[in-house]
Amino acid sequence: MLRFDNEAGKGNHKHVGEREVPYPFTDVDSLQSDFWAEVKKRRRGK
């Protein structure tokens, strides 16, 4: 599972597999770029 999220009370974070880690949101373009970079990593098995 891969998900970028902004939940009330938790703030900006991302879910990578079972892990949940903070995500420093700056703008939509960066968010999309970061998302697709994570997708590419996971497709390569890293």
Protein backbone atom coordinates (compact mmCIF):
# COMPACT_ATOMS: atom_id res chain seq x y z
CA MET A 1 0.00 0.00 0.00
CA LEU A 2 1.18 3.51 -0.74
CA ARG A 3 -0.82 6.52 0.33
CA PHE A 4 -0.11 10.17 1.06
CA ASP A 5 -2.51 11.56 3.62
CA ASN A 6 -3.48 14.60 5.67
CA GLU A 7 -5.66 13.35 8.49
CA ALA A 8 -7.06 15.68 11.14
CA GLY A 9 -4.93 15.37 14.25
CA LYS A 10 -2.07 13.60 12.48
CA GLY A 11 -1.09 16.15 9.86
CA ASN A 12 0.69 15.34 6.62
CA HIS A 13 2.09 11.83 6.43
CA LYS A 14 2.45 8.87 4.11
CA HIS A 15 1.74 5.18 4.41
CA VAL A 16 4.36 2.90 2.90
CA GLY A 17 3.36 -0.69 3.45
CA GLU A 18 2.63 -1.01 7.16
CA ARG A 19 4.68 2.07 8.08
CA GLU A 20 3.29 5.56 8.61
CA VAL A 21 5.84 8.39 8.40
CA PRO A 22 5.63 12.21 8.39
CA TYR A 23 5.50 13.88 4.99
CA PRO A 24 6.58 17.54 4.60
CA PHE A 25 3.90 18.79 2.19
CA THR A 26 4.92 21.92 0.29
CA ASP A 27 2.78 21.99 -2.87
CA VAL A 28 0.77 19.76 -5.19
CA ASP A 29 3.49 19.47 -7.83
CA SER A 30 5.99 18.20 -5.25
CA LEU A 31 3.40 15.83 -3.81
CA GLN A 32 2.76 14.28 -7.22
CA SER A 33 6.47 14.02 -7.96
CA ASP A 34 7.16 12.39 -4.59
CA PHE A 35 4.25 9.98 -5.03
CA TRP A 36 5.43 8.77 -8.43
CA ALA A 37 9.03 8.47 -7.17
CA GLU A 38 7.75 6.16 -4.38
CA VAL A 39 5.77 4.13 -6.93
CA LYS A 40 8.90 3.65 -9.05
CA LYS A 41 10.91 2.55 -5.99
CA ARG A 42 8.29 0.00 -5.01
CA ARG A 43 8.08 -1.35 -8.57
CA ARG A 44 11.84 -1.94 -8.51
CA GLY A 45 11.51 -3.72 -5.17
CA LYS A 46 13.39 -1.15 -3.10
